[in-house]
């Protein structure tokens, strides 16, 4: 495959080591995204009827915000950073240098096909790397727009797009890369990690998980329901950080269910298929998978589907079994199981069963309960009394832990994950302590003093 060689040769030219060159490229990208924003909205609607508002907020404007932060700060982040030295090395000046890894492979998913290409791409370019992008074949209209934008903005050896299906990803993964950034399922993430290990290639894996949403009996039920519904049914539930299931205190379960139903109807009307604000499932295969999950379940609300439109209505399911297909893995669709708990042991039985999730949401007006949940469970990130919005602050890294991912990005974290950090000590020549050289026959007093130099 010729593309990785082009990227390696371009990186070897040292062009991308120039911060001014990187900045000009990102400014061109910013200009082109603004110019093509309407086209991106139309492409995503054509792919799976994503509402224009959701495309603006979660795709184009999200990337533009990332660009704004990067353009403002990247020159400062790229400078050598002075750190304090230790007495044993006196006299010296110590620095942290950030250098690009080299050639990066970026494999993106279909659920946010524009954002999840360009958000990490911004960081990779800002840090000085060359990049090969593999967009999802499941969103062909968006992939075409991505290809057009990249071709107009970047020199071919700087950033290139390779379109295609699974076989193309496989061909790319057997190549040697300096860094791999993958967003997708945990199952495919394991394959990517295994491929990277053959070349000892560093990776970032943005995966998924069974994200719990915990609602205790002190929560503000109406507002809680409204915020859960928004975060869950955004993009028709095809969001890696969406709530995968609700654990609600039995005292307030009935009230929460009624509030959830009302919030769904308020947001999408009595027939959500007729709403301009509700997306579709990406293709027939994923639609069929979700329908299968609902077989034998106690549906409290929704469950309506249309095979001709890949439509599945916002759906609430009551008390599914932990070993059911619905609860075995990440749902990744507009189905929300609701499970009652009475004790914190009940909460632990569920959360511990599924491993470390990408996100966790806690709805409670008790600070002690909030703290206990945050301290007890490990997860990528989350919110107290809201959902999904943790990704909006560029000062917070976004990523998973354990099976839900490896590494975090956004804002400065994006610049740093695509940078190798070199520690450098600049030693002065006007003084050279004789103590470090053999023979090491030193008085006990000197030996004791040396212990305090480090």
Protein backbone atom coordinates (compact mmCIF):
# COMPACT_ATOMS: atom_id res chain seq x y z
CA UNK A 1 0.00 0.00 0.00
CA UNK A 2 1.52 3.30 -1.15
CA UNK A 3 -0.25 5.76 1.17
CA UNK A 4 1.74 5.11 4.39
CA UNK A 5 5.00 5.53 2.44
CA UNK A 6 3.85 8.93 1.17
CA UNK A 7 3.11 10.00 4.73
CA UNK A 8 6.46 8.72 6.03
CA UNK A 9 8.36 10.47 3.24
CA UNK A 10 6.48 13.71 3.90
CA UNK A 11 7.25 13.50 7.61
CA UNK A 12 10.92 12.87 6.81
CA UNK A 13 10.96 16.15 4.86
CA UNK A 14 10.66 17.94 8.27
CA UNK A 15 7.90 20.22 6.95
CA UNK A 16 5.52 19.36 9.77
CA UNK A 17 8.15 20.18 12.40
CA UNK A 18 7.43 23.84 11.60
CA UNK A 19 4.65 25.01 13.93
CA UNK A 20 3.74 27.82 11.53
CA UNK A 21 3.15 25.23 8.77
CA UNK A 22 0.83 23.22 11.04
CA UNK A 23 -1.07 26.35 12.05
CA UNK A 24 -1.66 27.44 8.45
CA UNK A 25 -3.03 23.99 7.63
CA UNK A 26 -5.45 24.09 10.56
CA UNK A 27 -6.61 27.57 9.60
CA UNK A 28 -7.39 26.29 6.11
CA UNK A 29 -9.31 23.41 7.69
CA UNK A 30 -11.29 25.84 9.84
CA UNK A 31 -12.19 27.92 6.79
CA UNK A 32 -13.23 24.90 4.73
CA UNK A 33 -15.45 23.39 7.47
CA UNK A 34 -17.25 26.71 7.80
CA UNK A 35 -17.72 26.84 4.03
CA UNK A 36 -18.99 23.23 3.82
CA UNK A 37 -21.12 23.13 6.99
CA UNK A 38 -24.42 22.95 5.09
CA UNK A 39 -23.04 20.14 2.92
CA UNK A 40 -22.01 18.20 6.04
CA UNK A 41 -25.54 18.56 7.47
CA UNK A 42 -27.04 17.25 4.22
CA UNK A 43 -24.58 14.35 4.07
CA UNK A 44 -25.38 13.20 7.59
CA UNK A 45 -29.09 13.48 6.93
CA UNK A 46 -28.65 11.37 3.80
CA UNK A 47 -26.68 8.76 5.77
CA UNK A 48 -29.11 8.26 8.67
CA UNK A 49 -31.40 11.28 8.94
CA UNK A 50 -29.35 12.98 11.61
CA UNK A 51 -31.16 16.22 12.59
CA UNK A 52 -29.41 19.41 11.50
CA UNK A 53 -29.23 20.72 15.06
CA UNK A 54 -27.46 17.56 16.23
CA UNK A 55 -25.01 17.77 13.33
CA UNK A 56 -24.18 21.38 14.14
CA UNK A 57 -23.79 20.85 17.89
CA UNK A 58 -22.14 17.42 17.95
CA UNK A 59 -20.25 17.40 14.65
CA UNK A 60 -19.21 20.62 12.89
CA UNK A 61 -19.32 23.13 15.74
CA UNK A 62 -17.69 20.59 18.05
CA UNK A 63 -14.74 20.36 15.66
CA UNK A 64 -14.63 24.12 15.15
CA UNK A 65 -14.43 24.58 18.94
CA UNK A 66 -11.52 22.11 19.02
CA UNK A 67 -9.81 24.07 16.25
CA UNK A 68 -10.31 27.35 18.11
CA UNK A 69 -8.63 26.00 21.25
CA UNK A 70 -5.79 24.43 19.28
CA UNK A 71 -5.05 27.50 17.14
CA UNK A 72 -5.00 29.68 20.22
CA UNK A 73 -2.66 27.50 22.27
CA UNK A 74 -0.61 25.20 20.03
CA UNK A 75 2.42 27.49 19.69
CA UNK A 76 2.69 27.69 23.48
CA UNK A 77 2.17 23.93 23.93
CA UNK A 78 4.84 23.19 21.30
CA UNK A 79 7.55 25.15 23.11
CA UNK A 80 10.04 23.36 25.36
CA UNK A 81 8.63 23.42 28.90
CA UNK A 82 11.05 24.30 31.71
CA UNK A 83 10.83 22.03 34.73
CA UNK A 84 12.64 22.28 38.04
CA UNK A 85 15.98 20.49 38.29
CA UNK A 86 17.34 18.46 41.20
CA UNK A 87 20.28 19.40 43.41
CA UNK A 88 22.29 16.35 42.34
CA UNK A 89 22.49 17.69 38.75
CA UNK A 90 23.40 21.27 39.72
CA UNK A 91 24.15 23.35 37.73
CA UNK A 92 21.62 22.38 35.04
CA UNK A 93 18.47 23.48 33.21
CA UNK A 94 15.79 20.81 32.67
CA UNK A 95 13.19 20.79 29.90
CA UNK A 96 10.31 18.79 28.50
CA UNK A 97 10.32 18.69 24.70
CA UNK A 98 7.23 17.56 22.77
CA UNK A 99 7.90 16.09 19.36
CA UNK A 100 5.53 14.45 16.86
CA UNK A 101 5.48 10.65 16.72
CA UNK A 102 5.57 10.58 12.92
CA UNK A 103 2.89 8.93 10.80
CA UNK A 104 -0.50 8.36 12.44
CA UNK A 105 -3.30 5.99 11.41
CA UNK A 106 -6.72 7.32 12.41
CA UNK A 107 -9.66 4.88 12.14
CA UNK A 108 -13.05 6.51 12.73
CA UNK A 109 -16.55 5.09 13.40
CA UNK A 110 -19.94 5.77 11.84
CA UNK A 111 -21.98 7.19 14.72
CA UNK A 112 -20.37 10.65 14.73
CA UNK A 113 -18.53 10.23 11.44
CA UNK A 114 -17.46 13.85 10.97
CA UNK A 115 -16.54 14.76 14.54
CA UNK A 116 -14.65 11.54 15.22
CA UNK A 117 -12.45 12.08 12.18
CA UNK A 118 -11.65 15.74 12.59
CA UNK A 119 -11.46 16.13 16.38
CA UNK A 120 -8.49 13.73 16.73
CA UNK A 121 -7.09 14.87 13.36
CA UNK A 122 -6.79 18.42 14.70
CA UNK A 123 -4.63 17.17 17.57
CA UNK A 124 -2.48 14.96 15.35
CA UNK A 125 -1.78 17.78 12.88
CA UNK A 126 -1.21 20.37 15.63
CA UNK A 127 1.40 18.08 17.19
CA UNK A 128 3.26 17.83 13.86
CA UNK A 129 2.33 14.36 12.58
CA UNK A 130 1.34 13.18 9.13
CA UNK A 131 -1.97 11.30 9.09
CA UNK A 132 -3.85 8.62 7.16
CA UNK A 133 -7.59 8.72 7.84
CA UNK A 134 -9.88 5.72 7.41
CA UNK A 135 -13.51 6.97 7.71
CA UNK A 136 -16.46 4.62 8.13
CA UNK A 137 -17.88 2.92 5.06
CA UNK A 138 -21.32 2.88 6.74
CA UNK A 139 -21.76 6.63 6.23
CA UNK A 140 -20.69 7.04 2.58
CA UNK A 141 -22.05 10.55 2.04
CA UNK A 142 -20.15 11.90 5.04
CA UNK A 143 -17.01 9.99 4.04
CA UNK A 144 -17.13 11.66 0.64
CA UNK A 145 -17.32 15.11 2.23
CA UNK A 146 -14.40 14.22 4.52
CA UNK A 147 -12.33 13.13 1.52
CA UNK A 148 -13.12 16.35 -0.35
CA UNK A 149 -12.26 18.59 2.61
CA UNK A 150 -8.98 16.81 3.33
CA UNK A 151 -7.95 16.88 -0.33
CA UNK A 152 -8.56 20.63 -0.55
CA UNK A 153 -6.93 21.58 2.76
CA UNK A 154 -3.85 19.36 3.09
CA UNK A 155 -0.95 18.33 0.90
CA UNK A 156 -1.40 14.62 -0.04
CA UNK A 157 1.58 13.47 2.01
CA UNK A 158 0.46 15.48 5.03
CA UNK A 159 -3.06 14.07 5.44
CA UNK A 160 -4.71 11.48 3.21
CA UNK A 161 -8.03 9.65 3.30
CA UNK A 162 -8.40 5.97 2.44
CA UNK A 163 -12.00 4.87 1.96
CA UNK A 164 -13.25 1.29 2.01
CA UNK A 165 -14.60 -1.49 4.20
CA UNK A 166 -13.17 -3.97 6.67
CA UNK A 167 -10.64 -5.32 4.18
CA UNK A 168 -9.11 -1.84 3.81
CA UNK A 169 -8.81 -1.49 7.58
CA UNK A 170 -7.09 -4.87 7.69
CA UNK A 171 -4.62 -3.82 4.99
CA UNK A 172 -3.85 -0.62 6.87
CA UNK A 173 -3.37 -2.36 10.20
CA UNK A 174 -0.66 -4.71 8.91
CA UNK A 175 1.45 -1.66 8.02
CA UNK A 176 3.92 -0.15 10.47
CA UNK A 177 2.71 3.12 12.02
CA UNK A 178 4.18 5.48 14.57
CA UNK A 179 0.81 5.91 16.30
CA UNK A 180 -2.72 4.48 15.91
CA UNK A 181 -5.87 6.26 17.04
CA UNK A 182 -9.00 4.10 16.93
CA UNK A 183 -12.61 4.84 17.87
CA UNK A 184 -15.11 1.98 17.82
CA UNK A 185 -16.24 -1.15 19.61
CA UNK A 186 -14.26 -2.96 22.28
CA UNK A 187 -14.18 -6.10 20.11
CA UNK A 188 -12.54 -4.32 17.17
CA UNK A 189 -10.36 -2.34 19.58
CA UNK A 190 -8.80 -5.62 20.71
CA UNK A 191 -7.92 -6.45 17.08
CA UNK A 192 -6.37 -3.00 16.61
CA UNK A 193 -4.38 -3.33 19.84
CA UNK A 194 -3.11 -6.75 18.81
CA UNK A 195 -2.03 -5.42 15.40
CA UNK A 196 -0.26 -2.44 17.01
CA UNK A 197 1.56 -4.70 19.47
CA UNK A 198 3.36 -6.50 16.63
CA UNK A 199 5.24 -3.27 15.89
CA UNK A 200 5.17 -1.92 19.48
CA UNK A 201 3.08 0.97 18.15
CA UNK A 202 1.51 3.26 20.78
CA UNK A 203 -2.27 3.57 20.57
CA UNK A 204 -5.27 5.49 21.75
CA UNK A 205 -8.42 3.37 21.90
CA UNK A 206 -11.75 5.15 22.32
CA UNK A 207 -14.18 2.30 22.90
CA UNK A 208 -17.48 1.91 24.76
CA UNK A 209 -19.13 0.14 27.63
CA UNK A 210 -22.29 -0.47 29.62
CA UNK A 211 -22.74 3.06 30.97
CA UNK A 212 -24.89 3.17 34.12
CA UNK A 213 -27.18 6.02 35.08
CA UNK A 214 -27.84 5.97 38.82
CA UNK A 215 -30.90 7.79 40.18
CA UNK A 216 -31.37 7.90 43.94
CA UNK A 217 -34.52 8.84 45.83
CA UNK A 218 -33.38 12.44 46.39
CA UNK A 219 -33.07 13.27 42.67
CA UNK A 220 -35.17 15.98 41.04
CA UNK A 221 -37.26 13.56 39.00
CA UNK A 222 -38.69 15.79 36.24
CA UNK A 223 -35.37 17.43 35.46
CA UNK A 224 -33.57 14.11 35.77
CA UNK A 225 -35.90 12.52 33.21
CA UNK A 226 -35.51 15.43 30.81
CA UNK A 227 -31.72 15.26 30.91
CA UNK A 228 -31.60 11.46 30.63
CA UNK A 229 -33.94 11.47 27.62
CA UNK A 230 -31.90 14.14 25.84
CA UNK A 231 -28.58 12.34 26.35
CA UNK A 232 -29.94 8.86 25.62
CA UNK A 233 -31.94 9.56 22.47
CA UNK A 234 -29.51 12.05 20.94
CA UNK A 235 -28.45 10.45 17.63
CA UNK A 236 -31.10 7.76 18.28
CA UNK A 237 -29.02 6.35 21.11
CA UNK A 238 -26.01 5.70 18.86
CA UNK A 239 -23.61 7.47 21.21
CA UNK A 240 -20.77 5.73 23.04
CA UNK A 241 -21.33 7.81 26.19
CA UNK A 242 -25.13 7.52 26.25
CA UNK A 243 -26.76 5.96 29.32
CA UNK A 244 -26.96 2.22 28.67
CA UNK A 245 -29.29 1.46 31.56
CA UNK A 246 -30.87 3.18 34.57
CA UNK A 247 -30.47 2.02 38.15
CA UNK A 248 -33.22 3.84 40.04
CA UNK A 249 -34.21 3.65 43.70
CA UNK A 250 -37.40 1.64 43.99
CA UNK A 251 -39.15 4.49 45.85
CA UNK A 252 -39.00 6.78 42.81
CA UNK A 253 -39.04 4.25 39.97
CA UNK A 254 -42.70 4.71 39.01
CA UNK A 255 -42.40 8.51 39.08
CA UNK A 256 -39.25 8.40 36.94
CA UNK A 257 -40.87 6.14 34.34
CA UNK A 258 -43.81 8.51 33.94
CA UNK A 259 -41.46 11.50 33.72
CA UNK A 260 -39.35 9.71 31.08
CA UNK A 261 -42.43 8.98 28.98
CA UNK A 262 -43.53 12.60 29.17
CA UNK A 263 -40.07 13.89 28.25
CA UNK A 264 -39.94 11.60 25.21
CA UNK A 265 -43.36 12.80 24.04
CA UNK A 266 -42.48 16.43 24.71
CA UNK A 267 -39.30 16.08 22.68
CA UNK A 268 -40.37 13.91 19.76
CA UNK A 269 -44.17 14.02 19.75
CA UNK A 270 -46.56 11.10 19.91
CA UNK A 271 -45.05 9.64 16.73
CA UNK A 272 -41.30 10.11 16.83
CA UNK A 273 -40.95 8.79 13.28
CA UNK A 274 -42.60 12.00 12.10
CA UNK A 275 -40.21 14.18 14.12
CA UNK A 276 -37.48 16.12 12.32
CA UNK A 277 -35.43 15.86 15.50
CA UNK A 278 -35.01 12.09 15.65
CA UNK A 279 -32.33 10.18 13.74
CA UNK A 280 -32.47 6.67 12.28
CA UNK A 281 -30.45 3.54 12.90
CA UNK A 282 -27.44 3.58 10.59
CA UNK A 283 -28.31 0.45 8.54
CA UNK A 284 -30.45 -2.69 8.30
CA UNK A 285 -27.97 -4.88 10.18
CA UNK A 286 -27.85 -2.65 13.26
CA UNK A 287 -31.62 -2.16 13.10
CA UNK A 288 -32.18 -5.93 13.10
CA UNK A 289 -29.75 -6.36 16.00
CA UNK A 290 -31.69 -3.89 18.14
CA UNK A 291 -35.04 -5.49 17.31
CA UNK A 292 -33.65 -8.88 18.36
CA UNK A 293 -32.61 -7.39 21.71
CA UNK A 294 -36.22 -6.47 22.41
CA UNK A 295 -37.58 -9.99 21.93
CA UNK A 296 -39.12 -11.30 25.15
CA UNK A 297 -38.63 -8.02 27.01
CA UNK A 298 -41.25 -6.14 29.05
CA UNK A 299 -41.62 -2.95 27.00
CA UNK A 300 -42.97 -0.04 29.04
CA UNK A 301 -42.98 2.48 26.22
CA UNK A 302 -42.14 2.55 22.51
CA UNK A 303 -40.73 -0.52 20.81
CA UNK A 304 -42.19 0.54 17.45
CA UNK A 305 -40.04 -0.14 14.40
CA UNK A 306 -40.15 0.28 10.63
CA UNK A 307 -37.79 -1.86 8.57
CA UNK A 308 -38.18 0.32 5.48
CA UNK A 309 -36.85 3.35 7.35
CA UNK A 310 -34.42 1.75 9.85
CA UNK A 311 -36.62 3.39 12.48
CA UNK A 312 -36.86 2.33 16.09
CA UNK A 313 -38.80 4.53 18.48
CA UNK A 314 -37.45 5.65 21.86
CA UNK A 315 -38.04 2.58 23.99
CA UNK A 316 -38.18 1.93 27.74
CA UNK A 317 -37.75 -1.64 29.01
CA UNK A 318 -38.64 -2.85 32.51
CA UNK A 319 -36.30 -5.01 34.58
CA UNK A 320 -34.41 -7.03 31.94
CA UNK A 321 -32.44 -10.05 33.15
CA UNK A 322 -28.70 -9.48 33.50
CA UNK A 323 -27.95 -12.43 31.20
CA UNK A 324 -30.40 -11.32 28.47
CA UNK A 325 -29.08 -10.20 25.04
CA UNK A 326 -30.18 -6.67 25.93
CA UNK A 327 -27.87 -6.56 28.94
CA UNK A 328 -24.94 -8.62 27.71
CA UNK A 329 -23.17 -5.78 25.94
CA UNK A 330 -23.46 -2.15 24.91
CA UNK A 331 -26.90 -1.44 23.42
CA UNK A 332 -25.91 1.44 21.12
CA UNK A 333 -29.45 2.34 20.19
CA UNK A 334 -32.67 3.97 21.48
CA UNK A 335 -33.46 1.30 24.09
CA UNK A 336 -33.26 2.23 27.77
CA UNK A 337 -33.59 -0.52 30.41
CA UNK A 338 -34.87 0.57 33.82
CA UNK A 339 -33.84 -1.46 36.85
CA UNK A 340 -34.86 -0.82 40.47
CA UNK A 341 -32.44 -0.99 43.39
CA UNK A 342 -32.99 -0.81 47.13
CA UNK A 343 -29.49 -0.95 48.58
CA UNK A 344 -26.05 0.16 47.48
CA UNK A 345 -25.18 -3.52 47.28
CA UNK A 346 -27.77 -3.81 44.49
CA UNK A 347 -26.01 -0.99 42.62
CA UNK A 348 -22.67 -2.70 43.07
CA UNK A 349 -23.96 -6.04 41.78
CA UNK A 350 -24.83 -4.46 38.45
CA UNK A 351 -21.96 -2.04 37.93
CA UNK A 352 -19.29 -4.53 38.99
CA UNK A 353 -20.79 -7.17 36.69
CA UNK A 354 -20.11 -5.13 33.55
CA UNK A 355 -16.60 -3.84 34.15
CA UNK A 356 -15.33 -0.28 33.79
CA UNK A 357 -17.65 1.82 31.60
CA UNK A 358 -16.80 4.77 29.40
CA UNK A 359 -19.27 6.98 31.30
CA UNK A 360 -21.29 7.00 34.51
CA UNK A 361 -24.10 9.38 35.45
CA UNK A 362 -25.26 10.07 39.00
CA UNK A 363 -28.51 11.86 39.75
CA UNK A 364 -28.75 12.78 43.39
CA UNK A 365 -29.11 15.83 45.61
CA UNK A 366 -27.06 14.15 48.34
CA UNK A 367 -23.38 15.13 48.23
CA UNK A 368 -22.45 12.12 50.35
CA UNK A 369 -24.04 9.76 47.81
CA UNK A 370 -22.39 11.56 44.88
CA UNK A 371 -18.98 11.29 46.54
CA UNK A 372 -19.44 7.63 47.42
CA UNK A 373 -20.30 6.70 43.82
CA UNK A 374 -17.41 8.74 42.40
CA UNK A 375 -14.92 7.25 44.86
CA UNK A 376 -16.09 3.66 44.52
CA UNK A 377 -16.34 3.16 40.75
CA UNK A 378 -13.76 3.55 37.99
CA UNK A 379 -14.98 4.91 34.66
CA UNK A 380 -13.84 7.17 31.83
CA UNK A 381 -15.81 10.27 32.77
CA UNK A 382 -19.31 11.42 33.52
CA UNK A 383 -21.66 13.88 35.14
CA UNK A 384 -23.53 14.52 38.33
CA UNK A 385 -27.13 15.51 37.61
CA UNK A 386 -26.70 15.53 33.82
CA UNK A 387 -25.59 13.31 30.95
CA UNK A 388 -23.19 13.45 27.97
CA UNK A 389 -22.03 17.07 28.49
CA UNK A 390 -18.66 16.02 29.95
CA UNK A 391 -17.25 15.98 26.40
CA UNK A 392 -18.02 19.67 25.83
CA UNK A 393 -15.28 21.14 28.05
CA UNK A 394 -11.98 21.09 26.15
CA UNK A 395 -10.10 21.33 29.44
CA UNK A 396 -11.34 17.84 30.38
CA UNK A 397 -9.73 14.82 28.70
CA UNK A 398 -12.16 12.40 27.09
CA UNK A 399 -11.40 8.70 27.14
CA UNK A 400 -12.06 5.35 28.74
CA UNK A 401 -10.41 3.02 31.22
CA UNK A 402 -9.92 -0.73 31.07
CA UNK A 403 -12.17 -2.30 28.42
CA UNK A 404 -13.76 1.08 27.66
CA UNK A 405 -10.59 2.60 26.27
CA UNK A 406 -6.99 3.66 26.58
CA UNK A 407 -5.86 7.31 26.55
CA UNK A 408 -7.78 10.58 26.51
CA UNK A 409 -8.00 13.53 24.17
CA UNK A 410 -9.66 16.93 23.47
CA UNK A 411 -7.93 20.29 23.87
CA UNK A 412 -4.43 20.12 25.34
CA UNK A 413 -4.84 16.38 25.93
CA UNK A 414 -5.15 15.93 22.14
CA UNK A 415 -1.86 17.74 21.56
CA UNK A 416 -0.16 15.67 24.22
CA UNK A 417 -1.33 12.20 23.15
CA UNK A 418 0.05 12.77 19.66
CA UNK A 419 3.37 14.04 21.04
CA UNK A 420 6.32 12.06 22.31
CA UNK A 421 7.61 13.82 25.43
CA UNK A 422 11.40 13.99 25.68
CA UNK A 423 13.10 14.89 28.93
CA UNK A 424 16.28 16.93 28.34
CA UNK A 425 18.87 18.18 30.82
CA UNK A 426 21.23 20.95 29.73
CA UNK A 427 24.27 20.70 31.98
CA UNK A 428 26.64 23.62 32.55
CA UNK A 429 30.38 23.10 32.14
CA UNK A 430 31.70 25.66 34.60
CA UNK A 431 31.41 23.26 37.54
CA UNK A 432 31.80 19.48 37.71
CA UNK A 433 31.23 17.73 41.03
CA UNK A 434 33.99 15.09 41.55
CA UNK A 435 31.84 12.98 43.90
CA UNK A 436 30.06 11.02 41.15
CA UNK A 437 33.25 9.61 39.61
CA UNK A 438 35.07 6.51 40.83
CA UNK A 439 36.84 5.58 42.97
CA UNK A 440 33.90 5.88 45.40
CA UNK A 441 35.91 6.01 48.63
CA UNK A 442 33.97 8.71 50.41
CA UNK A 443 33.76 9.67 54.11
CA UNK A 444 30.51 8.64 55.85
CA UNK A 445 29.50 12.29 56.27
CA UNK A 446 29.66 12.81 52.49
CA UNK A 447 27.66 9.62 51.84
CA UNK A 448 24.91 10.83 54.19
CA UNK A 449 24.88 14.19 52.47
CA UNK A 450 24.54 12.57 49.01
CA UNK A 451 21.34 10.83 50.13
CA UNK A 452 19.66 14.24 50.36
CA UNK A 453 20.61 15.33 46.86
CA UNK A 454 17.92 13.30 45.10
